[in-house]
């Protein structure tokens, strides 16, 4: 079973992260989930969703919401240094930070692994695994762009949530699915969210 570390941080765009979690679980991917305190504020603001503070409660909540199989989803607190994502001896196959705040992006770019989210990103980079950052900010400052360039040169994938329109979206959900499809493509998880270009 493929393992993906997924983190929600305090940038706008929580629907992207939530839909990604749903799709990963539906595709029988093992998910190690983390989210920051700021992400809880964003979830409440954007979807009126109250994310549980305790990891066990969050694990139960998301497992029930998305019908996760037993052992498929584990939620970790951002200061849980005993989590597998904290060590290169047990790295996931990929790590996705979606949405990714500019603060989190800056920490990862500078190697400041002072919480589990930044450490998880640090681990997958040093172990040569896939790191995908979904930065939701506009416009980007020179500092933001320089941090993204530094991460790209280090091997990370910078994937801004910029939906296309050639598939004729009819709803906000269609726009969200377009971005989530691009993330799933990057980590080789099959999906049917958006028909591939040229597929008839």
C-alpha atoms as a PDB file:
ATOM      1  CA  UNK A   1       0.000   0.000   0.000  1.00  0.00           C
ATOM      2  CA  UNK A   2       1.359   3.402  -1.014  1.00  0.00           C
ATOM      3  CA  UNK A   3       1.823   5.791   1.921  1.00  0.00           C
ATOM      4  CA  UNK A   4       1.327   9.547   1.596  1.00  0.00           C
ATOM      5  CA  UNK A   5       1.957  12.120   4.305  1.00  0.00           C
ATOM      6  CA  UNK A   6      -0.630  14.869   3.893  1.00  0.00           C
ATOM      7  CA  UNK A   7      -0.560  18.209   5.675  1.00  0.00           C
ATOM      8  CA  UNK A   8      -3.079  21.036   5.839  1.00  0.00           C
ATOM      9  CA  UNK A   9      -1.658  24.443   6.757  1.00  0.00           C
ATOM     10  CA  UNK A  10      -3.054  27.922   7.243  1.00  0.00           C
ATOM     11  CA  UNK A  11      -3.479  29.086   3.666  1.00  0.00           C
ATOM     12  CA  UNK A  12      -6.785  29.548   1.909  1.00  0.00           C
ATOM     13  CA  UNK A  13      -7.747  26.482  -0.106  1.00  0.00           C
ATOM     14  CA  UNK A  14      -8.874  23.958   2.470  1.00  0.00           C
ATOM     15  CA  UNK A  15     -11.331  22.363  -0.013  1.00  0.00           C
ATOM     16  CA  UNK A  16      -8.346  21.204  -2.076  1.00  0.00           C
ATOM     17  CA  UNK A  17      -6.787  19.399   0.875  1.00  0.00           C
ATOM     18  CA  UNK A  18     -10.052  17.860   2.009  1.00  0.00           C
ATOM     19  CA  UNK A  19     -10.885  16.550  -1.457  1.00  0.00           C
ATOM     20  CA  UNK A  20      -7.350  15.197  -1.807  1.00  0.00           C
ATOM     21  CA  UNK A  21      -7.728  13.293   1.465  1.00  0.00           C
ATOM     22  CA  UNK A  22     -11.008  11.828   0.258  1.00  0.00           C
ATOM     23  CA  UNK A  23      -9.489  10.710  -3.051  1.00  0.00           C
ATOM     24  CA  UNK A  24      -6.403   9.195  -1.458  1.00  0.00           C
ATOM     25  CA  UNK A  25      -8.494   7.106   0.911  1.00  0.00           C
ATOM     26  CA  UNK A  26     -10.819   6.040  -1.905  1.00  0.00           C
ATOM     27  CA  UNK A  27      -7.751   4.885  -3.876  1.00  0.00           C
ATOM     28  CA  UNK A  28      -6.608   2.625  -0.998  1.00  0.00           C
ATOM     29  CA  UNK A  29      -3.647   4.833  -0.139  1.00  0.00           C
ATOM     30  CA  UNK A  30      -2.398   4.865   3.453  1.00  0.00           C
ATOM     31  CA  UNK A  31      -2.500   8.460   4.724  1.00  0.00           C
ATOM     32  CA  UNK A  32      -0.547  10.031   7.558  1.00  0.00           C
ATOM     33  CA  UNK A  33      -2.407  13.285   8.183  1.00  0.00           C
ATOM     34  CA  UNK A  34      -1.190  16.399   9.993  1.00  0.00           C
ATOM     35  CA  UNK A  35      -2.663  19.878  10.256  1.00  0.00           C
ATOM     36  CA  UNK A  36      -1.669  23.116  11.891  1.00  0.00           C
ATOM     37  CA  UNK A  37      -3.690  25.273  14.253  1.00  0.00           C
ATOM     38  CA  UNK A  38      -4.018  27.843  11.496  1.00  0.00           C
ATOM     39  CA  UNK A  39      -5.506  25.157   9.242  1.00  0.00           C
ATOM     40  CA  UNK A  40      -8.269  24.698  11.800  1.00  0.00           C
ATOM     41  CA  UNK A  41      -9.144  28.384  11.451  1.00  0.00           C
ATOM     42  CA  UNK A  42      -9.184  28.129   7.653  1.00  0.00           C
ATOM     43  CA  UNK A  43     -11.427  25.041   7.733  1.00  0.00           C
ATOM     44  CA  UNK A  44     -13.914  26.881   9.922  1.00  0.00           C
ATOM     45  CA  UNK A  45     -13.822  30.010   7.745  1.00  0.00           C
ATOM     46  CA  UNK A  46     -14.080  28.284   4.355  1.00  0.00           C
ATOM     47  CA  UNK A  47     -16.255  25.228   5.029  1.00  0.00           C
ATOM     48  CA  UNK A  48     -17.684  25.914   8.479  1.00  0.00           C
ATOM     49  CA  UNK A  49     -15.897  22.723   9.536  1.00  0.00           C
ATOM     50  CA  UNK A  50     -14.620  22.336  13.081  1.00  0.00           C
ATOM     51  CA  UNK A  51     -11.514  20.167  12.976  1.00  0.00           C
ATOM     52  CA  UNK A  52     -10.949  18.188  16.178  1.00  0.00           C
ATOM     53  CA  UNK A  53      -7.999  19.319  18.269  1.00  0.00           C
ATOM     54  CA  UNK A  54      -7.039  15.813  19.403  1.00  0.00           C
ATOM     55  CA  UNK A  55      -5.481  13.535  16.758  1.00  0.00           C
ATOM     56  CA  UNK A  56      -7.543  10.518  17.857  1.00  0.00           C
ATOM     57  CA  UNK A  57     -10.772  12.443  17.489  1.00  0.00           C
ATOM     58  CA  UNK A  58      -9.689  13.736  14.084  1.00  0.00           C
ATOM     59  CA  UNK A  59      -8.758  10.230  12.985  1.00  0.00           C
ATOM     60  CA  UNK A  60     -12.187   8.935  13.968  1.00  0.00           C
ATOM     61  CA  UNK A  61     -13.927  11.903  12.332  1.00  0.00           C
ATOM     62  CA  UNK A  62     -12.196  11.606   8.950  1.00  0.00           C
ATOM     63  CA  UNK A  63     -12.263   7.806   8.933  1.00  0.00           C
ATOM     64  CA  UNK A  64     -16.021   7.839   9.374  1.00  0.00           C
ATOM     65  CA  UNK A  65     -16.567  10.708   6.932  1.00  0.00           C
ATOM     66  CA  UNK A  66     -14.616   9.033   4.132  1.00  0.00           C
ATOM     67  CA  UNK A  67     -15.154   5.361   5.045  1.00  0.00           C
ATOM     68  CA  UNK A  68     -11.458   4.683   5.559  1.00  0.00           C
ATOM     69  CA  UNK A  69     -10.383   1.095   6.087  1.00  0.00           C
ATOM     70  CA  UNK A  70      -9.011   0.080   9.451  1.00  0.00           C
ATOM     71  CA  UNK A  71      -5.439   1.314   9.797  1.00  0.00           C
ATOM     72  CA  UNK A  72      -5.591   3.294   6.546  1.00  0.00           C
ATOM     73  CA  UNK A  73      -5.647   6.746   8.151  1.00  0.00           C
ATOM     74  CA  UNK A  74      -3.519   7.974  11.037  1.00  0.00           C
ATOM     75  CA  UNK A  75      -3.623  11.547  12.295  1.00  0.00           C
ATOM     76  CA  UNK A  76      -0.610  13.023  14.094  1.00  0.00           C
ATOM     77  CA  UNK A  77      -0.233  16.176  16.141  1.00  0.00           C
ATOM     78  CA  UNK A  78       2.277  18.676  14.799  1.00  0.00           C
ATOM     79  CA  UNK A  79       4.520  18.170  17.831  1.00  0.00           C
ATOM     80  CA  UNK A  80       4.386  14.359  17.803  1.00  0.00           C
ATOM     81  CA  UNK A  81       8.061  13.620  17.289  1.00  0.00           C
ATOM     82  CA  UNK A  82       7.440   9.869  17.615  1.00  0.00           C
ATOM     83  CA  UNK A  83       5.406   9.896  14.391  1.00  0.00           C
ATOM     84  CA  UNK A  84       6.987   7.933  11.505  1.00  0.00           C
ATOM     85  CA  UNK A  85       7.176  11.084   9.392  1.00  0.00           C
ATOM     86  CA  UNK A  86       9.742  12.495  11.837  1.00  0.00           C
ATOM     87  CA  UNK A  87      12.447  10.023  10.787  1.00  0.00           C
ATOM     88  CA  UNK A  88      14.149   9.058   7.574  1.00  0.00           C
ATOM     89  CA  UNK A  89      14.106   5.444   8.769  1.00  0.00           C
ATOM     90  CA  UNK A  90      10.376   5.234   7.932  1.00  0.00           C
ATOM     91  CA  UNK A  91       9.585   7.809   5.229  1.00  0.00           C
ATOM     92  CA  UNK A  92       6.320   7.899   3.279  1.00  0.00           C
ATOM     93  CA  UNK A  93       6.331   7.420  -0.471  1.00  0.00           C
ATOM     94  CA  UNK A  94       5.357  11.068  -0.869  1.00  0.00           C
ATOM     95  CA  UNK A  95       4.474  14.149   1.133  1.00  0.00           C
ATOM     96  CA  UNK A  96       1.893  16.718   0.061  1.00  0.00           C
ATOM     97  CA  UNK A  97       1.303  20.029   1.813  1.00  0.00           C
ATOM     98  CA  UNK A  98      -2.066  21.240   0.562  1.00  0.00           C
ATOM     99  CA  UNK A  99      -2.773  24.053   0.974  1.00  0.00           C
ATOM    100  CA  UNK A 100       0.713  25.318   1.771  1.00  0.00           C
ATOM    101  CA  UNK A 101       1.057  28.651   3.543  1.00  0.00           C
ATOM    102  CA  UNK A 102       3.943  30.964   2.735  1.00  0.00           C
ATOM    103  CA  UNK A 103       5.171  30.535   6.310  1.00  0.00           C
ATOM    104  CA  UNK A 104       5.335  26.762   5.935  1.00  0.00           C
ATOM    105  CA  UNK A 105       6.955  27.110   2.519  1.00  0.00           C
ATOM    106  CA  UNK A 106       9.612  29.402   3.979  1.00  0.00           C
ATOM    107  CA  UNK A 107      10.348  26.987   6.824  1.00  0.00           C
ATOM    108  CA  UNK A 108      10.757  24.049   4.478  1.00  0.00           C
ATOM    109  CA  UNK A 109      12.948  26.108   2.125  1.00  0.00           C
ATOM    110  CA  UNK A 110      15.206  27.084   5.022  1.00  0.00           C
ATOM    111  CA  UNK A 111      15.320  23.596   6.549  1.00  0.00           C
ATOM    112  CA  UNK A 112      13.643  24.794   9.749  1.00  0.00           C
ATOM    113  CA  UNK A 113      11.980  21.540  10.779  1.00  0.00           C
ATOM    114  CA  UNK A 114      10.486  22.883  13.997  1.00  0.00           C
ATOM    115  CA  UNK A 115       7.189  21.018  13.716  1.00  0.00           C
ATOM    116  CA  UNK A 116       6.101  17.688  12.277  1.00  0.00           C
ATOM    117  CA  UNK A 117       4.830  19.186   9.012  1.00  0.00           C
ATOM    118  CA  UNK A 118       8.124  20.887   8.187  1.00  0.00           C
ATOM    119  CA  UNK A 119      10.046  17.839   9.376  1.00  0.00           C
ATOM    120  CA  UNK A 120       7.979  15.501   7.181  1.00  0.00           C
ATOM    121  CA  UNK A 121       8.826  17.662   4.171  1.00  0.00           C
ATOM    122  CA  UNK A 122      12.478  17.739   5.199  1.00  0.00           C
ATOM    123  CA  UNK A 123      12.560  13.953   5.508  1.00  0.00           C
ATOM    124  CA  UNK A 124      11.094  13.208   2.073  1.00  0.00           C
ATOM    125  CA  UNK A 125      13.517  15.656   0.445  1.00  0.00           C
ATOM    126  CA  UNK A 126      16.571  14.151   2.091  1.00  0.00           C
ATOM    127  CA  UNK A 127      15.378  10.622   1.359  1.00  0.00           C
ATOM    128  CA  UNK A 128      14.749  11.385  -2.305  1.00  0.00           C
ATOM    129  CA  UNK A 129      10.980  10.919  -2.130  1.00  0.00           C
ATOM    130  CA  UNK A 130       8.316  13.126  -3.761  1.00  0.00           C
ATOM    131  CA  UNK A 131       7.466  16.421  -2.045  1.00  0.00           C
ATOM    132  CA  UNK A 132       4.567  18.431  -3.459  1.00  0.00           C
ATOM    133  CA  UNK A 133       3.752  21.907  -2.203  1.00  0.00           C
ATOM    134  CA  UNK A 134       0.451  23.550  -3.151  1.00  0.00           C
ATOM    135  CA  UNK A 135       1.056  27.249  -2.367  1.00  0.00           C
ATOM    136  CA  UNK A 136      -2.162  29.268  -2.201  1.00  0.00           C
ATOM    137  CA  UNK A 137      -1.230  32.931  -2.273  1.00  0.00           C
ATOM    138  CA  UNK A 138      -1.561  35.751  -4.764  1.00  0.00           C
ATOM    139  CA  UNK A 139       0.330  37.696  -5.835  1.00  0.00           C
ATOM    140  CA  UNK A 140       3.673  36.080  -5.023  1.00  0.00           C
ATOM    141  CA  UNK A 141       6.404  38.334  -3.678  1.00  0.00           C
ATOM    142  CA  UNK A 142      10.031  37.963  -4.686  1.00  0.00           C
ATOM    143  CA  UNK A 143      10.635  36.230  -1.336  1.00  0.00           C
ATOM    144  CA  UNK A 144       7.890  33.681  -2.076  1.00  0.00           C
ATOM    145  CA  UNK A 145       9.255  33.032  -5.561  1.00  0.00           C
ATOM    146  CA  UNK A 146      12.842  32.680  -4.353  1.00  0.00           C
ATOM    147  CA  UNK A 147      11.732  30.162  -1.712  1.00  0.00           C
ATOM    148  CA  UNK A 148       9.840  28.192  -4.366  1.00  0.00           C
ATOM    149  CA  UNK A 149      12.845  28.218  -6.681  1.00  0.00           C
ATOM    150  CA  UNK A 150      15.080  26.996  -3.874  1.00  0.00           C
ATOM    151  CA  UNK A 151      12.690  24.135  -3.151  1.00  0.00           C
ATOM    152  CA  UNK A 152      12.306  23.265  -6.820  1.00  0.00           C
ATOM    153  CA  UNK A 153      16.073  23.042  -7.161  1.00  0.00           C
ATOM    154  CA  UNK A 154      16.102  20.760  -4.099  1.00  0.00           C
ATOM    155  CA  UNK A 155      13.675  18.397  -5.835  1.00  0.00           C
ATOM    156  CA  UNK A 156      10.256  19.549  -4.641  1.00  0.00           C
ATOM    157  CA  UNK A 157       7.288  19.998  -6.968  1.00  0.00           C
ATOM    158  CA  UNK A 158       5.654  23.433  -6.753  1.00  0.00           C
ATOM    159  CA  UNK A 159       2.026  22.962  -7.784  1.00  0.00           C
ATOM    160  CA  UNK A 160      -0.044  26.155  -7.388  1.00  0.00           C
ATOM    161  CA  UNK A 161      -3.799  25.499  -7.352  1.00  0.00           C
ATOM    162  CA  UNK A 162      -4.396  27.055 -10.768  1.00  0.00           C
ATOM    163  CA  UNK A 163      -7.311  25.189 -12.384  1.00  0.00           C
ATOM    164  CA  UNK A 164      -7.644  24.969 -16.145  1.00  0.00           C
ATOM    165  CA  UNK A 165     -10.869  25.548 -18.049  1.00  0.00           C
ATOM    166  CA  UNK A 166     -10.444  23.370 -21.136  1.00  0.00           C
ATOM    167  CA  UNK A 167     -12.515  20.641 -19.468  1.00  0.00           C
ATOM    168  CA  UNK A 168     -15.485  23.043 -19.250  1.00  0.00           C
ATOM    169  CA  UNK A 169     -16.012  23.110 -15.463  1.00  0.00           C
ATOM    170  CA  UNK A 170     -19.579  23.636 -14.327  1.00  0.00           C
ATOM    171  CA  UNK A 171     -19.037  24.061 -10.603  1.00  0.00           C
ATOM    172  CA  UNK A 172     -16.499  24.995  -7.944  1.00  0.00           C
ATOM    173  CA  UNK A 173     -16.155  21.269  -7.276  1.00  0.00           C
ATOM    174  CA  UNK A 174     -15.005  20.770 -10.860  1.00  0.00           C
ATOM    175  CA  UNK A 175     -12.283  23.394 -10.357  1.00  0.00           C
ATOM    176  CA  UNK A 176     -11.173  21.736  -7.115  1.00  0.00           C
ATOM    177  CA  UNK A 177     -11.083  18.331  -8.807  1.00  0.00           C
ATOM    178  CA  UNK A 178      -8.862  19.686 -11.595  1.00  0.00           C
ATOM    179  CA  UNK A 179      -6.173  20.670  -9.085  1.00  0.00           C
ATOM    180  CA  UNK A 180      -6.534  17.496  -7.034  1.00  0.00           C
ATOM    181  CA  UNK A 181      -6.185  15.464 -10.231  1.00  0.00           C
ATOM    182  CA  UNK A 182      -2.857  17.143 -10.973  1.00  0.00           C
ATOM    183  CA  UNK A 183      -1.629  16.283  -7.462  1.00  0.00           C
ATOM    184  CA  UNK A 184      -2.717  12.652  -7.803  1.00  0.00           C
ATOM    185  CA  UNK A 185      -0.925  12.479 -11.167  1.00  0.00           C
ATOM    186  CA  UNK A 186       2.297  13.602  -9.502  1.00  0.00           C
ATOM    187  CA  UNK A 187       2.178  10.783  -6.935  1.00  0.00           C
ATOM    188  CA  UNK A 188       0.969   8.122  -9.392  1.00  0.00           C
ATOM    189  CA  UNK A 189      -2.439   7.572  -7.811  1.00  0.00           C
ATOM    190  CA  UNK A 190      -5.097   6.587 -10.389  1.00  0.00           C
ATOM    191  CA  UNK A 191      -8.241   8.692 -10.583  1.00  0.00           C
ATOM    192  CA  UNK A 192     -11.170   9.581 -12.824  1.00  0.00           C
ATOM    193  CA  UNK A 193     -11.583  13.187 -11.700  1.00  0.00           C
ATOM    194  CA  UNK A 194     -10.639  14.795 -15.023  1.00  0.00           C
ATOM    195  CA  UNK A 195     -10.359  13.167 -18.421  1.00  0.00           C
ATOM    196  CA  UNK A 196      -6.745  13.260 -19.677  1.00  0.00           C
ATOM    197  CA  UNK A 197      -6.007  15.625 -22.537  1.00  0.00           C
ATOM    198  CA  UNK A 198      -6.492  13.928 -25.876  1.00  0.00           C
ATOM    199  CA  UNK A 199      -8.431  11.015 -24.390  1.00  0.00           C
ATOM    200  CA  UNK A 200     -11.402  11.540 -26.684  1.00  0.00           C
END
